[in-house]
Amino acid sequence: MRVLLLYPLFPKSFFSFEKTLELVGRKALLPPLGLITVAAILPQTWEYRLVDRNVRDLTEADWDWAEMVILSAMIVQKDDLLAQVREAKRRGKKVAVGGPYVTSVSHEVAAAGADYLILDEGEITIPMFVEALENGVSKGTFTAKGEKPDVSTTPIPRFELLDKDAYDSMALQFSRGCPFQCEFCDIIVLYGRKPRTKTPGQFLAELDRLYELGFDQSIFLVDDNFIGNKRNVKLLLKELKGWMESHQYPFRLYTEASVDLAQDQELMDMMVECNFNAVFLGIETPDESSLTVTKKFQNTRDSLSDAVEAITRSGLRVMAGFIIGFDGEKPGAGDRIARFVQQTSVPIALFSMLQALPDTALWHRLEKEGRLVEKIANINQTTLMNFIPTRPIEQIAREYIQAFWDIYDPINFLDRTYNHFLIMGPPKNRVRRRSLNWKTIRALAIIFWRQGVLRETRWKFWFYLYNIIKHNPKVWDHYISICAYFEHFYEYRQIVRNQIETQLAEFLAANAAAENQQEKEVRESAAA
């Protein structure tokens, strides 16, 4: 069996980083870890070819070679996923689709013509799919019916299928699931509230494979909450420290974690010792009442600003996520978020309007209340909310646009980045220094020209860089790499403003037309 593993396009979004990737000669931020794991679970006697459409286009040779097309995608990729399913069917190919999008919204994929829907986690449902194929079944839906697999049996992903020079970071997974109960989150719906982990030996074997294949990028641990099972994480970190030492620290690591990481100094120190240098936190909002409404209680136990500072001082660069539009939210939420980001010196802040994702507790509550406008959410940052909020959508949207604009103002971003590295102090982890190459020199020249000459940041840029080199020289390259991310945000904030304003104008015009029609009908009824 010749299987074409097809990964759909991501639209331009907060995490697409096109401008930043151009600087360093990479084509995509992360590889499709799910698809190369699927390739490891499927029969190893089959042949596999991976096409990541974020890296290269499909060719006629790819289509001609394939006997079966298998796709996986997240909700944000749904447009290209559905287009590729239709194209594969037009060409007479058998099509199977799995991943979080089809698990949440299977009817859309079925309507596009997919033959096989492989729902839930593949360790359980892929063997069902293979057995069906062997028995000559031509169509089917395979579901785990609530069962969660033991991920300690998951094989090493087929990393060799990747174009190793195409990606800015590599991706690994240690755990699935999260112990918390945030109302808007679909992770606990997809993967459960009991975090399941791989074994330390299993994880180190994956690192060995990347090392053997010559990968040298940073590694993103894609766990939705890396510290969900703290006991097992600490067991891993004890083993990982020795691996890093014996291999001379070949990889920088970063991941996602809950804010309660700040309460465990031992855990933060262990992460830094293992060469973790950044962590993404789901802060959402500094408004405690909104956190309580959405059941994100873990963020209400201690001061969020103190937590960010504690994590930063431990040597971990903080990235954070923020959301506007929670029920009962008071006016000015956008400004409060923008001020929190600036005051805590979080350089990279993901900011979006709240979306009700399929099958989440929020989605079910809003459907029951009759407030869902669209049952399928789009989690891009350029989309209006898919439900009726408790305060005017126009107010929320305008606060969102202004806050996004303020957060990624060039001066604000540079101030935060500089202050963040001052708080972190000298690096506490180990870094393997690499010699400068032409791509790096070119990227530096572009950043120096744009941020140090063309823009209003010019004086601060050179002043801050001088101080970094003078007082904390071992982080100067890391500091510049964060400055490079601004090349994406500088363009993207204008995209956010343009698209949200366009959608808002369409929404208000449609509402005005509906109100006018309603008034007309009332007048006609009265006249009659």
Protein backbone atom coordinates (compact mmCIF):
# COMPACT_ATOMS: atom_id res chain seq x y z
CA MET A 1 0.00 0.00 0.00
CA ARG A 2 1.39 3.40 -1.02
CA VAL A 3 0.10 6.04 1.40
CA LEU A 4 0.28 9.77 0.83
CA LEU A 5 0.26 11.56 4.19
CA LEU A 6 -1.14 15.01 3.49
CA TYR A 7 -1.02 17.98 5.88
CA PRO A 8 -3.25 20.95 4.92
CA LEU A 9 -2.31 24.60 4.77
CA PHE A 10 -2.45 26.88 7.79
CA PRO A 11 -3.97 30.28 7.03
CA LYS A 12 -1.95 33.33 7.98
CA SER A 13 -2.32 33.48 11.77
CA PHE A 14 -0.57 34.47 14.98
CA PHE A 15 1.55 31.33 14.92
CA SER A 16 2.31 31.16 11.19
CA PHE A 17 5.30 33.52 11.55
CA GLU A 18 5.85 33.92 7.78
CA LYS A 19 8.05 37.02 8.01
CA THR A 20 10.16 35.58 10.81
CA LEU A 21 10.61 32.25 9.04
CA GLU A 22 11.71 34.05 5.88
CA LEU A 23 14.55 35.62 7.85
CA VAL A 24 16.01 32.26 8.85
CA GLY A 25 15.24 30.35 5.66
CA ARG A 26 12.61 28.04 7.16
CA LYS A 27 9.23 27.24 5.62
CA ALA A 28 7.07 26.28 8.60
CA LEU A 29 7.18 26.64 12.36
CA LEU A 30 6.46 23.01 13.33
CA PRO A 31 6.15 19.65 11.55
CA PRO A 32 2.96 17.52 11.51
CA LEU A 33 3.83 15.34 14.51
CA GLY A 34 0.43 13.64 14.36
CA LEU A 35 0.90 12.36 10.80
CA ILE A 36 4.40 11.00 11.36
CA THR A 37 3.11 9.26 14.50
CA VAL A 38 0.26 7.81 12.41
CA ALA A 39 2.89 6.51 9.98
CA ALA A 40 4.60 4.73 12.87
CA ILE A 41 1.35 3.09 14.04
CA LEU A 42 0.23 1.93 10.58
CA PRO A 43 1.76 -1.26 9.09
CA GLN A 44 5.47 -0.79 8.49
CA THR A 45 5.27 -2.90 5.33
CA TRP A 46 3.37 -0.04 3.64
CA GLU A 47 5.17 2.77 1.82
CA TYR A 48 4.76 6.37 3.00
CA ARG A 49 5.29 9.78 1.47
CA LEU A 50 4.62 12.97 3.45
CA VAL A 51 3.53 16.21 1.83
CA ASP A 52 3.18 19.16 4.20
CA ARG A 53 1.48 21.81 2.09
CA ASN A 54 2.99 24.47 4.34
CA VAL A 55 6.40 23.33 3.07
CA ARG A 56 5.83 22.31 -0.56
CA ASP A 57 3.06 21.93 -3.13
CA LEU A 58 1.54 18.64 -4.17
CA THR A 59 2.73 17.40 -7.54
CA GLU A 60 1.14 15.19 -10.17
CA ALA A 61 3.79 12.62 -9.30
CA ASP A 62 2.55 12.58 -5.69
CA TRP A 63 -1.04 11.98 -6.79
CA ASP A 64 -0.05 9.31 -9.31
CA TRP A 65 2.08 7.48 -6.71
CA ALA A 66 -0.62 7.37 -4.00
CA GLU A 67 -3.04 4.49 -3.55
CA MET A 68 -4.44 5.92 -0.31
CA VAL A 69 -4.50 9.51 1.01
CA ILE A 70 -4.50 10.08 4.77
CA LEU A 71 -5.01 13.59 6.16
CA SER A 72 -5.01 15.14 9.62
CA ALA A 73 -5.82 18.71 10.62
CA MET A 74 -6.85 21.15 13.31
CA ILE A 75 -9.95 23.34 13.02
CA VAL A 76 -7.95 26.29 11.74
CA GLN A 77 -6.87 24.16 8.73
CA LYS A 78 -10.37 23.00 7.81
CA ASP A 79 -10.76 24.94 4.53
CA ASP A 80 -7.72 23.38 2.89
CA LEU A 81 -8.45 19.99 4.45
CA LEU A 82 -11.90 19.85 2.87
CA ALA A 83 -10.49 21.09 -0.46
CA GLN A 84 -7.84 18.35 -0.49
CA VAL A 85 -10.36 15.65 0.42
CA ARG A 86 -12.52 16.71 -2.54
CA GLU A 87 -9.51 16.81 -4.86
CA ALA A 88 -8.38 13.35 -3.78
CA LYS A 89 -11.87 11.97 -4.40
CA ARG A 90 -12.00 13.69 -7.79
CA ARG A 91 -8.86 11.77 -8.66
CA GLY A 92 -10.39 8.49 -7.55
CA LYS A 93 -8.29 8.00 -4.40
CA LYS A 94 -9.37 6.34 -1.19
CA VAL A 95 -9.31 8.96 1.56
CA ALA A 96 -8.98 8.59 5.34
CA VAL A 97 -9.07 11.56 7.73
CA GLY A 98 -8.13 11.76 11.40
CA GLY A 99 -7.03 14.35 13.93
CA PRO A 100 -8.73 16.86 16.23
CA TYR A 101 -10.86 18.58 13.58
CA VAL A 102 -12.59 15.46 12.26
CA THR A 103 -12.98 14.13 15.80
CA SER A 104 -14.86 17.33 16.73
CA VAL A 105 -16.77 17.90 13.47
CA SER A 106 -16.92 14.61 11.57
CA HIS A 107 -20.01 15.45 9.49
CA GLU A 108 -18.23 18.18 7.51
CA VAL A 109 -15.44 15.82 6.52
CA ALA A 110 -17.91 13.07 5.64
CA ALA A 111 -19.84 15.51 3.45
CA ALA A 112 -16.62 16.32 1.56
CA GLY A 113 -16.41 12.65 0.55
CA ALA A 114 -13.89 11.04 2.91
CA ASP A 115 -14.17 7.25 2.91
CA TYR A 116 -12.81 6.61 6.39
CA LEU A 117 -13.11 8.79 9.50
CA ILE A 118 -10.50 7.82 12.09
CA LEU A 119 -11.68 9.60 15.23
CA ASP A 120 -10.18 10.01 18.70
CA GLU A 121 -6.65 8.81 19.47
CA GLY A 122 -4.92 6.73 16.82
CA GLU A 123 -3.38 4.10 19.08
CA ILE A 124 -6.92 2.69 19.43
CA THR A 125 -8.66 3.61 16.18
CA ILE A 126 -5.90 3.12 13.58
CA PRO A 127 -5.74 -0.67 14.22
CA MET A 128 -9.54 -0.74 13.69
CA PHE A 129 -9.07 1.06 10.38
CA VAL A 130 -6.32 -1.31 9.25
CA GLU A 131 -8.43 -4.36 10.14
CA ALA A 132 -11.36 -2.92 8.17
CA LEU A 133 -9.12 -2.44 5.13
CA GLU A 134 -7.82 -5.99 5.39
CA ASN A 135 -11.43 -7.22 5.46
CA GLY A 136 -12.32 -5.25 2.34
CA VAL A 137 -14.50 -2.64 4.07
CA SER A 138 -14.79 0.33 1.69
CA LYS A 139 -16.12 2.96 4.13
CA GLY A 140 -16.29 3.41 7.87
CA THR A 141 -16.05 5.50 11.01
CA PHE A 142 -13.77 4.33 13.79
CA THR A 143 -14.14 5.64 17.33
CA ALA A 144 -12.64 4.77 20.70
CA LYS A 145 -16.01 5.31 22.44
CA GLY A 146 -14.44 7.14 25.37
CA GLU A 147 -11.47 4.82 25.84
CA LYS A 148 -8.08 6.50 26.22
CA PRO A 149 -4.92 4.71 25.09
CA ASP A 150 -1.81 4.02 27.13
CA VAL A 151 0.66 6.34 25.39
CA SER A 152 3.61 4.38 26.79
CA THR A 153 2.93 2.01 23.86
CA THR A 154 3.13 4.75 21.20
CA PRO A 155 5.98 4.05 18.74
CA ILE A 156 8.71 6.52 17.79
CA PRO A 157 7.35 8.90 15.13
CA ARG A 158 8.72 8.49 11.59
CA PHE A 159 10.93 11.59 11.74
CA GLU A 160 12.80 10.51 8.62
CA LEU A 161 9.73 11.38 6.53
CA LEU A 162 10.27 15.08 7.29
CA ASP A 163 12.30 17.61 5.36
CA LYS A 164 14.53 18.40 8.32
CA ASP A 165 15.65 21.77 6.98
CA ALA A 166 12.09 23.07 6.42
CA TYR A 167 11.04 23.57 10.05
CA ASP A 168 12.05 26.18 12.59
CA SER A 169 11.42 23.80 15.52
CA MET A 170 10.85 20.09 15.90
CA ALA A 171 7.93 18.64 17.89
CA LEU A 172 7.76 15.90 20.51
CA GLN A 173 5.03 14.82 22.91
CA PHE A 174 5.39 13.50 26.45
CA SER A 175 1.82 13.63 27.74
CA ARG A 176 -1.82 14.00 26.75
CA GLY A 177 -4.65 15.44 28.81
CA CYS A 178 -4.99 18.17 31.44
CA PRO A 179 -6.31 17.93 35.02
CA PHE A 180 -8.18 21.26 34.94
CA GLN A 181 -11.73 22.08 33.83
CA CYS A 182 -11.57 25.33 31.81
CA GLU A 183 -15.00 25.75 30.23
CA PHE A 184 -13.76 26.90 26.82
CA CYS A 185 -11.01 24.29 26.34
CA ASP A 186 -11.40 21.32 24.01
CA ILE A 187 -8.27 19.53 25.22
CA ILE A 188 -10.10 17.88 28.11
CA VAL A 189 -12.83 16.85 25.63
CA LEU A 190 -10.35 15.31 23.18
CA TYR A 191 -7.80 13.85 25.61
CA GLY A 192 -9.42 13.75 29.04
CA ARG A 193 -8.62 15.20 32.46
CA LYS A 194 -6.25 12.47 33.54
CA PRO A 195 -2.82 13.24 32.04
CA ARG A 196 -1.21 10.17 30.49
CA THR A 197 2.54 10.15 29.91
CA LYS A 198 5.16 8.27 27.99
CA THR A 199 8.00 6.66 29.91
CA PRO A 200 11.32 8.51 30.30
CA GLY A 201 13.06 5.80 28.24
CA GLN A 202 10.49 6.16 25.48
CA PHE A 203 10.94 9.93 25.32
CA LEU A 204 14.74 9.67 25.32
CA ALA A 205 14.54 7.15 22.48
CA GLU A 206 12.71 9.80 20.42
CA LEU A 207 15.45 12.31 21.24
CA ASP A 208 18.05 9.72 20.21
CA ARG A 209 16.32 9.33 16.87
CA LEU A 210 16.27 13.08 16.21
CA TYR A 211 19.93 13.31 17.20
CA GLU A 212 20.82 10.37 14.96
CA LEU A 213 19.06 11.98 11.98
CA GLY A 214 20.96 15.24 12.47
CA PHE A 215 18.16 17.53 13.56
CA ASP A 216 19.50 20.59 15.38
CA GLN A 217 16.43 22.80 15.86
CA SER A 218 14.80 23.72 19.13
CA ILE A 219 12.18 21.21 20.25
CA PHE A 220 8.63 22.13 21.18
CA LEU A 221 6.96 19.68 23.56
CA VAL A 222 3.42 19.94 22.27
CA ASP A 223 1.79 18.76 25.52
CA ASP A 224 -1.15 21.02 26.29
CA ASN A 225 -0.02 21.06 29.91
CA PHE A 226 3.46 19.60 30.30
CA ILE A 227 3.21 19.65 34.11
CA GLY A 228 -0.25 18.07 34.30
CA ASN A 229 1.32 14.98 35.90
CA LYS A 230 4.10 16.53 37.99
CA ARG A 231 5.31 13.24 39.42
CA ASN A 232 5.97 11.72 36.01
CA VAL A 233 7.42 14.96 34.65
CA LYS A 234 10.01 15.05 37.42
CA LEU A 235 10.91 11.42 36.71
CA LEU A 236 11.45 12.37 33.08
CA LEU A 237 13.51 15.44 33.91
CA LYS A 238 15.86 13.41 36.11
CA GLU A 239 16.63 11.15 33.13
CA LEU A 240 16.64 13.99 30.61
CA LYS A 241 19.28 15.93 32.55
CA GLY A 242 21.77 13.07 32.13
CA TRP A 243 20.93 12.72 28.43
CA MET A 244 21.51 16.42 27.84
CA GLU A 245 24.83 16.36 29.69
CA SER A 246 26.12 13.32 27.80
CA HIS A 247 25.11 14.80 24.43
CA GLN A 248 26.43 18.32 25.22
CA TYR A 249 23.01 19.98 25.23
CA PRO A 250 22.14 19.70 21.51
CA PHE A 251 18.55 20.96 21.83
CA ARG A 252 16.76 23.89 23.39
CA LEU A 253 13.32 22.90 24.65
CA TYR A 254 10.10 24.83 25.16
CA THR A 255 6.56 23.79 26.04
CA GLU A 256 3.14 24.77 27.44
CA ALA A 257 2.24 24.65 31.13
CA SER A 258 -0.34 25.89 33.60
CA VAL A 259 0.45 28.95 35.73
CA ASP A 260 0.79 26.82 38.87
CA LEU A 261 4.27 25.98 37.57
CA ALA A 262 5.33 29.07 39.54
CA GLN A 263 4.46 27.29 42.80
CA ASP A 264 7.06 24.55 42.25
CA GLN A 265 10.60 25.96 42.30
CA GLU A 266 12.13 22.49 42.13
CA LEU A 267 10.25 21.75 38.93
CA MET A 268 11.28 25.05 37.31
CA ASP A 269 14.92 24.47 38.27
CA MET A 270 14.81 20.96 36.83
CA MET A 271 13.36 22.24 33.57
CA VAL A 272 16.10 24.85 33.25
CA GLU A 273 18.77 22.24 34.01
CA CYS A 274 17.37 20.16 31.13
CA ASN A 275 17.73 23.13 28.74
CA PHE A 276 14.13 24.32 28.70
CA ASN A 277 14.32 28.01 27.90
CA ALA A 278 10.69 29.04 27.36
CA VAL A 279 7.16 28.15 28.43
CA PHE A 280 3.74 29.17 27.14
CA LEU A 281 1.17 30.00 29.84
CA GLY A 282 -2.59 30.18 29.38
CA ILE A 283 -3.21 33.32 31.46
CA GLU A 284 -6.37 34.34 29.50
CA THR A 285 -7.22 37.49 31.48
CA PRO A 286 -6.15 39.40 34.59
CA ASP A 287 -9.86 39.70 35.56
CA GLU A 288 -10.45 37.19 38.36
CA SER A 289 -14.23 37.28 37.89
CA SER A 290 -13.87 36.15 34.26
CA LEU A 291 -11.47 33.37 35.28
CA THR A 292 -14.03 32.16 37.80
CA VAL A 293 -16.87 32.24 35.23
CA THR A 294 -14.85 30.12 32.81
CA LYS A 295 -13.75 27.75 35.62
CA LYS A 296 -10.05 28.49 35.25
CA PHE A 297 -9.69 28.37 39.02
CA GLN A 298 -5.98 27.50 38.92
CA ASN A 299 -5.30 31.08 37.77
CA THR A 300 -7.11 32.64 40.75
CA ARG A 301 -5.11 31.08 43.57
CA ASP A 302 -2.09 33.40 43.42
CA SER A 303 -1.11 36.69 41.82
CA LEU A 304 -0.71 36.19 38.07
CA SER A 305 1.92 38.92 37.82
CA ASP A 306 3.91 37.32 40.65
CA ALA A 307 3.67 33.96 38.89
CA VAL A 308 5.00 35.39 35.62
CA GLU A 309 7.90 37.04 37.46
CA ALA A 310 8.76 33.88 39.41
CA ILE A 311 8.87 31.77 36.25
CA THR A 312 10.92 34.40 34.42
CA ARG A 313 13.45 34.76 37.25
CA SER A 314 13.89 30.99 37.24
CA GLY A 315 15.31 31.30 33.72
CA LEU A 316 12.28 30.48 31.58
CA ARG A 317 11.13 33.00 28.98
CA VAL A 318 7.37 33.41 29.29
CA MET A 319 4.96 33.44 26.35
CA ALA A 320 1.30 33.78 27.23
CA GLY A 321 -2.23 33.47 25.86
CA PHE A 322 -5.04 35.99 26.47
CA ILE A 323 -8.75 35.99 25.61
CA ILE A 324 -11.40 38.69 25.53
CA GLY A 325 -15.17 38.16 25.56
CA PHE A 326 -15.98 36.08 28.64
CA ASP A 327 -19.51 36.23 30.06
CA GLY A 328 -19.98 39.03 32.57
CA GLU A 329 -16.79 40.76 31.45
CA LYS A 330 -16.70 44.47 32.33
CA PRO A 331 -15.88 47.17 29.74
CA GLY A 332 -12.19 47.93 29.34
CA ALA A 333 -11.06 44.28 29.38
CA GLY A 334 -8.88 44.83 26.30
CA ASP A 335 -7.01 47.69 27.91
CA ARG A 336 -6.55 45.69 31.13
CA ILE A 337 -5.02 42.82 29.16
CA ALA A 338 -2.72 45.15 27.21
CA ARG A 339 -1.56 46.82 30.44
CA PHE A 340 -0.98 43.43 32.11
CA VAL A 341 1.15 42.27 29.17
CA GLN A 342 3.24 45.44 29.30
CA GLN A 343 3.61 45.50 33.08
CA THR A 344 4.70 41.84 33.27
CA SER A 345 7.05 42.23 30.27
CA VAL A 346 5.74 39.18 28.40
CA PRO A 347 7.30 39.62 24.93
CA ILE A 348 5.02 37.30 22.93
CA ALA A 349 1.35 37.40 23.88
CA LEU A 350 -1.21 35.38 21.92
CA PHE A 351 -4.46 37.38 21.99
CA SER A 352 -7.84 36.41 20.56
CA MET A 353 -11.58 36.78 21.00
CA LEU A 354 -13.31 33.90 22.75
CA GLN A 355 -14.63 31.12 20.52
CA ALA A 356 -16.98 28.32 21.59
CA LEU A 357 -15.19 25.21 20.33
CA PRO A 358 -17.29 22.14 19.42
CA ASP A 359 -18.35 19.87 22.27
CA THR A 360 -16.74 21.97 25.03
CA ALA A 361 -18.66 22.82 28.19
CA LEU A 362 -18.93 26.40 26.91
CA TRP A 363 -20.34 25.20 23.57
CA HIS A 364 -22.99 23.05 25.27
CA ARG A 365 -23.97 25.85 27.68
CA LEU A 366 -24.32 28.43 24.91
CA GLU A 367 -26.28 26.04 22.71
CA LYS A 368 -28.68 25.39 25.59
CA GLU A 369 -29.05 29.15 26.10
CA GLY A 370 -29.68 29.70 22.37
CA ARG A 371 -26.62 31.94 22.00
CA LEU A 372 -24.55 30.02 19.44
CA VAL A 373 -24.37 31.91 16.14
CA GLU A 374 -22.18 29.35 14.37
CA LYS A 375 -21.66 25.86 15.74
CA ILE A 376 -18.25 25.55 14.07
CA ALA A 377 -15.65 27.87 15.55
CA ASN A 378 -12.61 29.29 13.80
CA ILE A 379 -9.78 29.77 16.26
CA ASN A 380 -7.85 32.25 14.15
CA GLN A 381 -7.24 35.71 15.62
CA THR A 382 -9.00 37.39 12.70
CA THR A 383 -12.49 36.04 13.39
CA LEU A 384 -15.41 37.49 15.33
CA MET A 385 -16.90 35.43 18.14
CA ASN A 386 -19.24 32.60 17.11
CA PHE A 387 -21.78 33.31 19.88
CA ILE A 388 -23.75 36.20 21.36
CA PRO A 389 -21.71 37.65 24.26
CA THR A 390 -23.09 39.35 27.36
CA ARG A 391 -21.86 42.76 26.27
CA PRO A 392 -22.07 44.31 22.79
CA ILE A 393 -19.94 42.54 20.19
CA GLU A 394 -18.98 45.94 18.75
CA GLN A 395 -17.53 46.98 22.11
CA ILE A 396 -15.56 43.74 22.48
CA ALA A 397 -14.25 43.86 18.90
CA ARG A 398 -13.08 47.46 19.15
CA GLU A 399 -11.34 46.78 22.48
CA TYR A 400 -9.72 43.72 20.91
CA ILE A 401 -8.42 45.65 17.89
CA GLN A 402 -7.01 48.45 20.04
CA ALA A 403 -5.39 46.09 22.54
CA PHE A 404 -3.81 43.97 19.79
CA TRP A 405 -2.52 47.17 18.19
CA ASP A 406 -1.09 48.41 21.50
CA ILE A 407 0.49 45.09 22.47
CA TYR A 408 2.38 44.94 19.17
CA ASP A 409 3.29 48.59 18.96
CA PRO A 410 7.01 48.52 18.01
CA ILE A 411 8.16 50.50 21.05
CA ASN A 412 5.97 48.51 23.47
CA PHE A 413 7.28 45.21 22.11
CA LEU A 414 10.91 46.29 22.32
CA ASP A 415 10.48 47.61 25.87
CA ARG A 416 8.90 44.33 27.00
CA THR A 417 11.52 42.17 25.36
CA TYR A 418 14.40 44.13 26.87
CA ASN A 419 12.83 44.18 30.35
CA HIS A 420 12.06 40.47 30.15
CA PHE A 421 15.72 39.61 29.57
CA LEU A 422 16.76 41.92 32.39
CA ILE A 423 14.43 40.04 34.74
CA MET A 424 15.74 36.67 33.54
CA GLY A 425 19.35 37.67 34.12
CA PRO A 426 22.27 35.56 32.86
CA PRO A 427 21.24 32.25 31.25
CA LYS A 428 20.88 29.44 33.74
CA ASN A 429 20.74 26.68 31.15
CA ARG A 430 23.39 25.38 28.78
CA VAL A 431 23.58 26.52 25.19
CA ARG A 432 25.59 24.93 22.41
CA ARG A 433 26.93 27.89 20.45
CA ARG A 434 26.79 27.59 16.68
CA SER A 435 28.96 29.47 14.23
CA LEU A 436 27.37 32.25 12.21
CA ASN A 437 26.32 31.30 8.69
CA TRP A 438 25.16 33.38 5.74
CA LYS A 439 21.46 32.99 6.61
CA THR A 440 22.06 34.18 10.16
CA ILE A 441 24.17 37.15 9.03
CA ARG A 442 21.49 38.12 6.50
CA ALA A 443 18.75 37.87 9.15
CA LEU A 444 20.75 40.04 11.55
CA ALA A 445 21.30 42.65 8.85
CA ILE A 446 17.56 42.82 8.08
CA ILE A 447 16.62 43.17 11.76
CA PHE A 448 19.30 45.83 12.32
CA TRP A 449 18.11 47.77 9.28
CA ARG A 450 14.37 47.60 9.98
CA GLN A 451 14.35 47.99 13.76
CA GLY A 452 17.55 49.98 14.14
CA VAL A 453 17.24 52.37 11.19
CA LEU A 454 13.83 52.48 9.50
CA ARG A 455 11.40 52.40 12.42
CA GLU A 456 10.75 54.64 15.38
CA THR A 457 12.48 52.00 17.52
CA ARG A 458 15.88 53.02 16.14
CA TRP A 459 17.29 54.74 19.26
CA LYS A 460 15.93 52.25 21.77
CA PHE A 461 16.97 49.29 19.63
CA TRP A 462 20.65 50.21 19.69
CA PHE A 463 20.56 51.37 23.30
CA TYR A 464 18.94 48.13 24.47
CA LEU A 465 21.25 45.96 22.35
CA TYR A 466 24.29 47.76 23.74
CA ASN A 467 23.10 47.20 27.31
CA ILE A 468 22.35 43.53 26.67
CA ILE A 469 25.82 42.95 25.21
CA LYS A 470 27.46 44.91 28.04
CA HIS A 471 25.56 43.50 31.02
CA ASN A 472 24.21 40.13 29.87
CA PRO A 473 26.27 39.14 26.80
CA LYS A 474 25.41 35.44 26.83
CA VAL A 475 21.79 36.16 25.86
CA TRP A 476 22.35 38.69 23.07
CA ASP A 477 21.55 36.19 20.29
CA HIS A 478 18.45 34.95 22.08
CA TYR A 479 17.35 38.55 22.63
CA ILE A 480 17.77 39.28 18.91
CA SER A 481 15.84 36.11 17.99
CA ILE A 482 12.83 37.42 19.96
CA CYS A 483 13.20 40.78 18.24
CA ALA A 484 12.98 38.85 14.96
CA TYR A 485 9.50 37.59 15.86
CA PHE A 486 8.29 41.18 15.74
CA GLU A 487 8.67 41.16 11.96
CA HIS A 488 5.63 38.87 11.91
CA PHE A 489 3.60 40.80 14.47
CA TYR A 490 4.28 44.15 12.79
CA GLU A 491 2.42 42.96 9.69
CA TYR A 492 -0.09 40.73 11.47
CA ARG A 493 -1.54 43.44 13.71
CA GLN A 494 -2.62 45.31 10.57
CA ILE A 495 -4.22 42.12 9.22
CA VAL A 496 -6.12 41.71 12.51
CA ARG A 497 -7.34 45.31 12.39
CA ASN A 498 -8.42 45.14 8.74
CA GLN A 499 -10.22 41.81 8.92
CA ILE A 500 -11.98 42.38 12.24
CA GLU A 501 -13.14 45.85 11.17
CA THR A 502 -14.46 44.40 7.89
CA GLN A 503 -16.35 41.61 9.67
CA LEU A 504 -17.67 44.03 12.27
CA ALA A 505 -18.96 46.39 9.57
CA GLU A 506 -20.70 43.47 7.83
CA PHE A 507 -22.18 42.32 11.14
CA LEU A 508 -23.50 45.78 12.02
CA ALA A 509 -24.90 46.29 8.50
CA ALA A 510 -26.70 42.94 8.65
CA ASN A 511 -28.13 43.80 12.07
CA ALA A 512 -29.28 47.22 10.88
CA ALA A 513 -30.94 45.65 7.84
CA ALA A 514 -32.69 43.09 10.03
CA GLU A 515 -33.93 45.80 12.40
CA ASN A 516 -35.18 47.90 9.48
CA GLN A 517 -37.02 44.91 8.05
CA GLN A 518 -38.56 44.19 11.43
CA GLU A 519 -39.70 47.81 11.80
CA LYS A 520 -41.17 47.72 8.28
CA GLU A 521 -43.12 44.55 9.08
CA VAL A 522 -44.44 46.14 12.31
CA ARG A 523 -45.58 49.26 10.43
CA GLU A 524 -47.26 47.23 7.70
CA SER A 525 -48.98 45.09 10.30
CA ALA A 526 -50.24 48.17 12.14
CA ALA A 527 -51.49 49.75 8.91
CA ALA A 528 -53.37 46.60 8.02
